[in-house]
All heavy atoms as atom14 arrays in JSON, in Angstrom:
{
  "sequence": "TKNHNRTVRMILALVNEWETKEQTNRYKISAKAYMNA",
  "atom14_mask": [
    [1, 1, 1, 1, 1, 1, 1, 0, 0, 0, 0, 0, 0, 0],
    [1, 1, 1, 1, 1, 1, 1, 1, 1, 0, 0, 0, 0, 0],
    [1, 1, 1, 1, 1, 1, 1, 1, 0, 0, 0, 0, 0, 0],
    [1, 1, 1, 1, 1, 1, 1, 1, 1, 1, 0, 0, 0, 0],
    [1, 1, 1, 1, 1, 1, 1, 1, 0, 0, 0, 0, 0, 0],
    [1, 1, 1, 1, 1, 1, 1, 1, 1, 1, 1, 0, 0, 0],
    [1, 1, 1, 1, 1, 1, 1, 0, 0, 0, 0, 0, 0, 0],
    [1, 1, 1, 1, 1, 1, 1, 0, 0, 0, 0, 0, 0, 0],
    [1, 1, 1, 1, 1, 1, 1, 1, 1, 1, 1, 0, 0, 0],
    [1, 1, 1, 1, 1, 1, 1, 1, 0, 0, 0, 0, 0, 0],
    [1, 1, 1, 1, 1, 1, 1, 1, 0, 0, 0, 0, 0, 0],
    [1, 1, 1, 1, 1, 1, 1, 1, 0, 0, 0, 0, 0, 0],
    [1, 1, 1, 1, 1, 0, 0, 0, 0, 0, 0, 0, 0, 0],
    [1, 1, 1, 1, 1, 1, 1, 1, 0, 0, 0, 0, 0, 0],
    [1, 1, 1, 1, 1, 1, 1, 0, 0, 0, 0, 0, 0, 0],
    [1, 1, 1, 1, 1, 1, 1, 1, 0, 0, 0, 0, 0, 0],
    [1, 1, 1, 1, 1, 1, 1, 1, 1, 0, 0, 0, 0, 0],
    [1, 1, 1, 1, 1, 1, 1, 1, 1, 1, 1, 1, 1, 1],
    [1, 1, 1, 1, 1, 1, 1, 1, 1, 0, 0, 0, 0, 0],
    [1, 1, 1, 1, 1, 1, 1, 0, 0, 0, 0, 0, 0, 0],
    [1, 1, 1, 1, 1, 1, 1, 1, 1, 0, 0, 0, 0, 0],
    [1, 1, 1, 1, 1, 1, 1, 1, 1, 0, 0, 0, 0, 0],
    [1, 1, 1, 1, 1, 1, 1, 1, 1, 0, 0, 0, 0, 0],
    [1, 1, 1, 1, 1, 1, 1, 0, 0, 0, 0, 0, 0, 0],
    [1, 1, 1, 1, 1, 1, 1, 1, 0, 0, 0, 0, 0, 0],
    [1, 1, 1, 1, 1, 1, 1, 1, 1, 1, 1, 0, 0, 0],
    [1, 1, 1, 1, 1, 1, 1, 1, 1, 1, 1, 1, 0, 0],
    [1, 1, 1, 1, 1, 1, 1, 1, 1, 0, 0, 0, 0, 0],
    [1, 1, 1, 1, 1, 1, 1, 1, 0, 0, 0, 0, 0, 0],
    [1, 1, 1, 1, 1, 1, 0, 0, 0, 0, 0, 0, 0, 0],
    [1, 1, 1, 1, 1, 0, 0, 0, 0, 0, 0, 0, 0, 0],
    [1, 1, 1, 1, 1, 1, 1, 1, 1, 0, 0, 0, 0, 0],
    [1, 1, 1, 1, 1, 0, 0, 0, 0, 0, 0, 0, 0, 0],
    [1, 1, 1, 1, 1, 1, 1, 1, 1, 1, 1, 1, 0, 0],
    [1, 1, 1, 1, 1, 1, 1, 1, 0, 0, 0, 0, 0, 0],
    [1, 1, 1, 1, 1, 1, 1, 1, 0, 0, 0, 0, 0, 0],
    [1, 1, 1, 1, 1, 0, 0, 0, 0, 0, 0, 0, 0, 0]
  ],
  "atom14_positions": [
    [[-24.8, -10.79, -78.47], [-23.9, -9.79, -78.98], [-24.81, -8.57, -79.51], [-25.69, -8.86, -80.25], [-23.02, -10.28, -80.11], [-22.31, -11.44, -79.57], [-22.05, -9.2, -80.6], [0.0, 0.0, 0.0], [0.0, 0.0, 0.0], [0.0, 0.0, 0.0], [0.0, 0.0, 0.0], [0.0, 0.0, 0.0], [0.0, 0.0, 0.0], [0.0, 0.0, 0.0]],
    [[-24.47, -7.4, -79.09], [-25.17, -6.24, -79.63], [-24.09, -5.15, -79.73], [-23.32, -4.95, -78.85], [-26.18, -5.78, -78.54], [-27.12, -4.63, -79.13], [-28.16, -4.24, -78.18], [-29.0, -3.19, -78.76], [-30.1, -2.78, -77.83], [0.0, 0.0, 0.0], [0.0, 0.0, 0.0], [0.0, 0.0, 0.0], [0.0, 0.0, 0.0], [0.0, 0.0, 0.0]],
    [[-24.06, -4.68, -81.01], [-23.02, -3.62, -81.37], [-21.63, -4.37, -81.17], [-21.4, -5.42, -81.64], [-23.17, -2.36, -80.68], [-24.48, -1.65, -80.91], [-24.96, -1.71, -82.07], [-25.11, -1.08, -79.91], [0.0, 0.0, 0.0], [0.0, 0.0, 0.0], [0.0, 0.0, 0.0], [0.0, 0.0, 0.0], [0.0, 0.0, 0.0], [0.0, 0.0, 0.0]],
    [[-20.79, -3.82, -80.29], [-19.45, -4.38, -80.08], [-19.43, -4.89, -78.66], [-18.31, -4.96, -77.99], [-18.34, -3.38, -80.42], [-18.22, -3.07, -81.79], [-17.7, -4.05, -82.74], [-18.54, -1.97, -82.55], [-17.74, -3.43, -83.91], [-18.24, -2.21, -83.84], [0.0, 0.0, 0.0], [0.0, 0.0, 0.0], [0.0, 0.0, 0.0], [0.0, 0.0, 0.0]],
    [[-20.6, -5.28, -78.03], [-20.63, -5.79, -76.69], [-21.13, -7.19, -76.8], [-22.22, -7.52, -77.33], [-21.48, -4.88, -75.82], [-20.8, -3.6, -75.48], [-19.82, -3.6, -74.65], [-21.14, -2.55, -76.17], [0.0, 0.0, 0.0], [0.0, 0.0, 0.0], [0.0, 0.0, 0.0], [0.0, 0.0, 0.0], [0.0, 0.0, 0.0], [0.0, 0.0, 0.0]],
    [[-20.52, -8.16, -76.04], [-21.05, -9.41, -75.71], [-21.46, -9.43, -74.21], [-20.72, -8.97, -73.41], [-20.04, -10.51, -75.92], [-19.77, -10.72, -77.4], [-18.9, -11.94, -77.54], [-18.66, -12.19, -78.92], [-17.39, -12.32, -79.54], [-16.33, -12.25, -78.75], [-17.33, -12.59, -80.77], [0.0, 0.0, 0.0], [0.0, 0.0, 0.0], [0.0, 0.0, 0.0]],
    [[-22.64, -9.99, -74.03], [-23.1, -10.07, -72.6], [-23.4, -11.51, -72.34], [-24.14, -12.17, -73.03], [-24.39, -9.24, -72.44], [-24.13, -7.87, -72.73], [-24.95, -9.33, -70.97], [0.0, 0.0, 0.0], [0.0, 0.0, 0.0], [0.0, 0.0, 0.0], [0.0, 0.0, 0.0], [0.0, 0.0, 0.0], [0.0, 0.0, 0.0], [0.0, 0.0, 0.0]],
    [[-22.81, -12.04, -71.28], [-23.02, -13.42, -70.78], [-24.27, -13.44, -69.95], [-24.38, -12.65, -69.01], [-21.81, -13.86, -70.02], [-22.03, -15.31, -69.45], [-20.5, -13.77, -70.87], [0.0, 0.0, 0.0], [0.0, 0.0, 0.0], [0.0, 0.0, 0.0], [0.0, 0.0, 0.0], [0.0, 0.0, 0.0], [0.0, 0.0, 0.0], [0.0, 0.0, 0.0]],
    [[-25.17, -14.34, -70.33], [-26.42, -14.48, -69.51], [-26.47, -15.71, -68.75], [-27.22, -15.89, -67.76], [-27.62, -14.47, -70.48], [-27.74, -13.19, -71.32], [-27.76, -11.88, -70.5], [-29.02, -11.82, -69.76], [-29.32, -11.05, -68.72], [-28.35, -10.24, -68.34], [-30.4, -11.08, -68.16], [0.0, 0.0, 0.0], [0.0, 0.0, 0.0], [0.0, 0.0, 0.0]],
    [[-25.65, -16.75, -69.18], [-25.54, -17.98, -68.39], [-24.34, -18.77, -68.82], [-23.74, -18.45, -69.85], [-26.84, -18.85, -68.59], [-27.08, -19.54, -69.96], [-28.52, -20.49, -70.14], [-28.04, -21.92, -69.23], [0.0, 0.0, 0.0], [0.0, 0.0, 0.0], [0.0, 0.0, 0.0], [0.0, 0.0, 0.0], [0.0, 0.0, 0.0], [0.0, 0.0, 0.0]],
    [[-23.92, -19.73, -68.06], [-22.8, -20.57, -68.34], [-23.24, -22.01, -68.25], [-24.3, -22.35, -67.7], [-21.62, -20.41, -67.4], [-22.02, -20.9, -65.98], [-21.04, -18.93, -67.52], [-20.81, -21.06, -65.03], [0.0, 0.0, 0.0], [0.0, 0.0, 0.0], [0.0, 0.0, 0.0], [0.0, 0.0, 0.0], [0.0, 0.0, 0.0], [0.0, 0.0, 0.0]],
    [[-22.49, -22.88, -69.03], [-22.64, -24.26, -68.92], [-21.32, -24.88, -68.49], [-20.33, -24.86, -69.21], [-23.04, -24.9, -70.23], [-24.37, -24.59, -70.79], [-24.59, -25.22, -72.14], [-25.49, -25.08, -69.83], [0.0, 0.0, 0.0], [0.0, 0.0, 0.0], [0.0, 0.0, 0.0], [0.0, 0.0, 0.0], [0.0, 0.0, 0.0], [0.0, 0.0, 0.0]],
    [[-21.21, -25.23, -67.18], [-19.91, -25.71, -66.65], [-19.79, -27.13, -67.17], [-20.78, -27.9, -67.25], [-19.94, -25.64, -65.19], [0.0, 0.0, 0.0], [0.0, 0.0, 0.0], [0.0, 0.0, 0.0], [0.0, 0.0, 0.0], [0.0, 0.0, 0.0], [0.0, 0.0, 0.0], [0.0, 0.0, 0.0], [0.0, 0.0, 0.0], [0.0, 0.0, 0.0]],
    [[-18.59, -27.54, -67.5], [-18.34, -28.84, -68.13], [-17.27, -29.63, -67.26], [-16.49, -29.06, -66.62], [-17.78, -28.6, -69.51], [-18.66, -27.89, -70.56], [-18.01, -27.63, -71.82], [-19.97, -28.69, -70.77], [0.0, 0.0, 0.0], [0.0, 0.0, 0.0], [0.0, 0.0, 0.0], [0.0, 0.0, 0.0], [0.0, 0.0, 0.0], [0.0, 0.0, 0.0]],
    [[-17.34, -30.96, -67.44], [-16.35, -31.79, -66.94], [-15.15, -31.82, -67.88], [-15.43, -32.07, -69.17], [-16.93, -33.22, -66.7], [-15.92, -34.24, -66.24], [-18.06, -33.21, -65.67], [0.0, 0.0, 0.0], [0.0, 0.0, 0.0], [0.0, 0.0, 0.0], [0.0, 0.0, 0.0], [0.0, 0.0, 0.0], [0.0, 0.0, 0.0], [0.0, 0.0, 0.0]],
    [[-13.96, -31.74, -67.43], [-12.83, -31.92, -68.26], [-12.75, -33.34, -68.8], [-12.53, -34.28, -68.0], [-11.5, -31.48, -67.54], [-10.31, -31.46, -68.33], [-10.27, -32.02, -69.47], [-9.31, -30.69, -67.94], [0.0, 0.0, 0.0], [0.0, 0.0, 0.0], [0.0, 0.0, 0.0], [0.0, 0.0, 0.0], [0.0, 0.0, 0.0], [0.0, 0.0, 0.0]],
    [[-12.75, -33.54, -70.08], [-12.85, -34.92, -70.67], [-11.4, -35.49, -70.94], [-11.43, -36.58, -71.51], [-13.82, -34.88, -71.79], [-15.22, -34.52, -71.37], [-16.24, -34.75, -72.38], [-16.03, -35.52, -73.33], [-17.34, -34.18, -72.3], [0.0, 0.0, 0.0], [0.0, 0.0, 0.0], [0.0, 0.0, 0.0], [0.0, 0.0, 0.0], [0.0, 0.0, 0.0]],
    [[-10.39, -34.8, -70.7], [-8.98, -35.37, -70.93], [-8.83, -36.54, -69.93], [-9.45, -36.47, -68.83], [-7.95, -34.4, -70.76], [-7.49, -33.59, -71.97], [-7.83, -32.29, -72.18], [-6.82, -34.11, -73.17], [-7.32, -31.97, -73.37], [-6.71, -33.07, -74.02], [-6.36, -35.26, -73.49], [-6.08, -33.2, -75.26], [-5.71, -35.48, -74.77], [-5.64, -34.38, -75.57]],
    [[-7.95, -37.41, -70.36], [-7.52, -38.39, -69.42], [-6.86, -37.74, -68.23], [-6.31, -36.63, -68.38], [-6.56, -39.42, -70.06], [-7.27, -40.26, -71.17], [-6.29, -41.23, -71.73], [-5.23, -41.65, -71.14], [-6.55, -41.61, -72.86], [0.0, 0.0, 0.0], [0.0, 0.0, 0.0], [0.0, 0.0, 0.0], [0.0, 0.0, 0.0], [0.0, 0.0, 0.0]],
    [[-6.92, -38.33, -67.04], [-6.56, -37.72, -65.79], [-5.15, -37.11, -65.91], [-5.0, -35.89, -65.41], [-6.58, -38.84, -64.65], [-7.8, -39.33, -64.57], [-6.25, -38.09, -63.33], [0.0, 0.0, 0.0], [0.0, 0.0, 0.0], [0.0, 0.0, 0.0], [0.0, 0.0, 0.0], [0.0, 0.0, 0.0], [0.0, 0.0, 0.0], [0.0, 0.0, 0.0]],
    [[-4.16, -37.74, -66.48], [-2.77, -37.24, -66.43], [-2.63, -35.98, -67.27], [-1.74, -35.2, -67.1], [-1.81, -38.28, -66.99], [-2.02, -38.64, -68.36], [-1.15, -39.75, -68.85], [-1.49, -40.2, -70.3], [-0.57, -41.18, -70.79], [0.0, 0.0, 0.0], [0.0, 0.0, 0.0], [0.0, 0.0, 0.0], [0.0, 0.0, 0.0], [0.0, 0.0, 0.0]],
    [[-3.6, -35.64, -68.17], [-3.55, -34.41, -68.99], [-4.38, -33.3, -68.44], [-4.2, -32.13, -68.9], [-4.08, -34.79, -70.48], [-3.26, -35.76, -71.21], [-1.89, -35.27, -71.67], [-1.77, -34.02, -71.79], [-1.03, -36.04, -71.72], [0.0, 0.0, 0.0], [0.0, 0.0, 0.0], [0.0, 0.0, 0.0], [0.0, 0.0, 0.0], [0.0, 0.0, 0.0]],
    [[-5.15, -33.47, -67.43], [-6.11, -32.52, -66.97], [-5.48, -31.29, -66.3], [-6.07, -30.21, -66.17], [-7.17, -33.16, -66.08], [-8.11, -33.98, -66.81], [-9.13, -34.56, -65.89], [-9.27, -34.31, -64.78], [-10.02, -35.37, -66.5], [0.0, 0.0, 0.0], [0.0, 0.0, 0.0], [0.0, 0.0, 0.0], [0.0, 0.0, 0.0], [0.0, 0.0, 0.0]],
    [[-4.23, -31.44, -65.85], [-3.62, -30.31, -65.18], [-3.15, -29.17, -66.07], [-2.87, -28.09, -65.69], [-2.35, -30.76, -64.35], [-1.45, -31.42, -65.22], [-2.8, -31.7, -63.2], [0.0, 0.0, 0.0], [0.0, 0.0, 0.0], [0.0, 0.0, 0.0], [0.0, 0.0, 0.0], [0.0, 0.0, 0.0], [0.0, 0.0, 0.0], [0.0, 0.0, 0.0]],
    [[-3.0, -29.53, -67.45], [-2.56, -28.45, -68.35], [-3.32, -28.24, -69.56], [-2.93, -27.6, -70.52], [-1.07, -28.64, -68.66], [-0.78, -29.97, -69.38], [-1.64, -30.75, -69.53], [0.46, -30.14, -69.75], [0.0, 0.0, 0.0], [0.0, 0.0, 0.0], [0.0, 0.0, 0.0], [0.0, 0.0, 0.0], [0.0, 0.0, 0.0], [0.0, 0.0, 0.0]],
    [[-4.5, -28.89, -69.68], [-5.39, -28.69, -70.84], [-6.83, -29.2, -70.53], [-7.0, -29.99, -69.57], [-4.86, -29.3, -72.12], [-4.63, -30.69, -72.1], [-3.98, -31.2, -73.49], [-3.0, -30.28, -73.96], [-1.69, -30.67, -74.23], [-1.34, -31.9, -73.9], [-0.87, -29.8, -74.55], [0.0, 0.0, 0.0], [0.0, 0.0, 0.0], [0.0, 0.0, 0.0]],
    [[-7.68, -28.71, -71.27], [-9.1, -29.15, -71.12], [-9.61, -29.65, -72.48], [-9.02, -29.33, -73.46], [-10.04, -28.01, -70.65], [-10.19, -26.91, -71.63], [-11.29, -26.95, -72.53], [-9.41, -25.82, -71.73], [-11.5, -25.98, -73.47], [-9.53, -24.84, -72.68], [-10.58, -24.95, -73.56], [-10.73, -23.85, -74.48], [0.0, 0.0, 0.0], [0.0, 0.0, 0.0]],
    [[-10.53, -30.58, -72.35], [-11.19, -31.08, -73.61], [-12.68, -31.05, -73.51], [-13.27, -31.4, -72.46], [-10.64, -32.56, -73.68], [-11.19, -33.24, -74.99], [-10.67, -34.75, -74.91], [-10.99, -35.49, -76.2], [-10.46, -36.81, -76.12], [0.0, 0.0, 0.0], [0.0, 0.0, 0.0], [0.0, 0.0, 0.0], [0.0, 0.0, 0.0], [0.0, 0.0, 0.0]],
    [[-13.23, -30.53, -74.54], [-14.66, -30.48, -74.59], [-15.11, -31.36, -75.79], [-14.62, -31.23, -76.89], [-15.17, -28.98, -74.89], [-14.76, -28.15, -73.72], [-16.69, -28.96, -75.12], [-15.06, -26.66, -73.95], [0.0, 0.0, 0.0], [0.0, 0.0, 0.0], [0.0, 0.0, 0.0], [0.0, 0.0, 0.0], [0.0, 0.0, 0.0], [0.0, 0.0, 0.0]],
    [[-16.02, -32.32, -75.49], [-16.52, -33.28, -76.52], [-17.48, -32.57, -77.51], [-18.12, -31.57, -77.24], [-17.19, -34.5, -75.82], [-18.45, -34.08, -75.39], [0.0, 0.0, 0.0], [0.0, 0.0, 0.0], [0.0, 0.0, 0.0], [0.0, 0.0, 0.0], [0.0, 0.0, 0.0], [0.0, 0.0, 0.0], [0.0, 0.0, 0.0], [0.0, 0.0, 0.0]],
    [[-17.62, -33.21, -78.68], [-18.56, -32.79, -79.63], [-19.89, -32.79, -79.11], [-20.8, -32.01, -79.36], [-18.39, -33.62, -80.91], [0.0, 0.0, 0.0], [0.0, 0.0, 0.0], [0.0, 0.0, 0.0], [0.0, 0.0, 0.0], [0.0, 0.0, 0.0], [0.0, 0.0, 0.0], [0.0, 0.0, 0.0], [0.0, 0.0, 0.0], [0.0, 0.0, 0.0]],
    [[-20.27, -33.88, -78.28], [-21.53, -34.03, -77.67], [-21.85, -32.82, -76.73], [-22.93, -32.23, -76.81], [-21.59, -35.28, -76.85], [-22.98, -35.55, -76.33], [-23.03, -36.92, -75.61], [-24.35, -37.15, -74.97], [-24.33, -38.5, -74.29], [0.0, 0.0, 0.0], [0.0, 0.0, 0.0], [0.0, 0.0, 0.0], [0.0, 0.0, 0.0], [0.0, 0.0, 0.0]],
    [[-20.81, -32.39, -75.98], [-21.04, -31.22, -75.05], [-21.27, -29.95, -75.87], [-22.09, -29.06, -75.55], [-19.87, -31.11, -74.11], [0.0, 0.0, 0.0], [0.0, 0.0, 0.0], [0.0, 0.0, 0.0], [0.0, 0.0, 0.0], [0.0, 0.0, 0.0], [0.0, 0.0, 0.0], [0.0, 0.0, 0.0], [0.0, 0.0, 0.0], [0.0, 0.0, 0.0]],
    [[-20.52, -29.78, -76.99], [-20.71, -28.64, -77.86], [-22.11, -28.65, -78.42], [-22.79, -27.59, -78.41], [-19.7, -28.69, -78.94], [-19.84, -27.63, -79.97], [-19.51, -26.29, -79.69], [-20.47, -27.89, -81.19], [-19.67, -25.31, -80.66], [-20.6, -26.9, -82.18], [-20.26, -25.6, -81.9], [-20.47, -24.62, -82.83], [0.0, 0.0, 0.0], [0.0, 0.0, 0.0]],
    [[-22.57, -29.71, -78.95], [-23.87, -29.79, -79.55], [-25.04, -29.54, -78.48], [-25.99, -28.86, -78.75], [-24.14, -31.21, -80.16], [-23.32, -31.36, -81.43], [-23.28, -33.12, -82.07], [-25.02, -33.48, -82.15], [0.0, 0.0, 0.0], [0.0, 0.0, 0.0], [0.0, 0.0, 0.0], [0.0, 0.0, 0.0], [0.0, 0.0, 0.0], [0.0, 0.0, 0.0]],
    [[-24.79, -30.06, -77.26], [-25.71, -29.77, -76.19], [-25.75, -28.31, -75.87], [-26.76, -27.69, -75.68], [-25.27, -30.58, -74.89], [-26.25, -30.29, -73.83], [-27.47, -30.49, -73.83], [-25.77, -29.71, -72.69], [0.0, 0.0, 0.0], [0.0, 0.0, 0.0], [0.0, 0.0, 0.0], [0.0, 0.0, 0.0], [0.0, 0.0, 0.0], [0.0, 0.0, 0.0]],
    [[-24.63, -27.65, -75.85], [-24.55, -26.19, -75.58], [-25.31, -25.43, -76.68], [-26.05, -24.41, -76.32], [-23.13, -25.71, -75.5], [0.0, 0.0, 0.0], [0.0, 0.0, 0.0], [0.0, 0.0, 0.0], [0.0, 0.0, 0.0], [0.0, 0.0, 0.0], [0.0, 0.0, 0.0], [0.0, 0.0, 0.0], [0.0, 0.0, 0.0], [0.0, 0.0, 0.0]]
  ]
}
């Protein structure tokens, strides 16, 4: 972030960690994935 601009330099694509039946309408990110990021 610089001034009022954020610039994306890379992404970390994640696996949706919800149980299969929930994955069509929400995503879940684990604490471990957050710490890794």
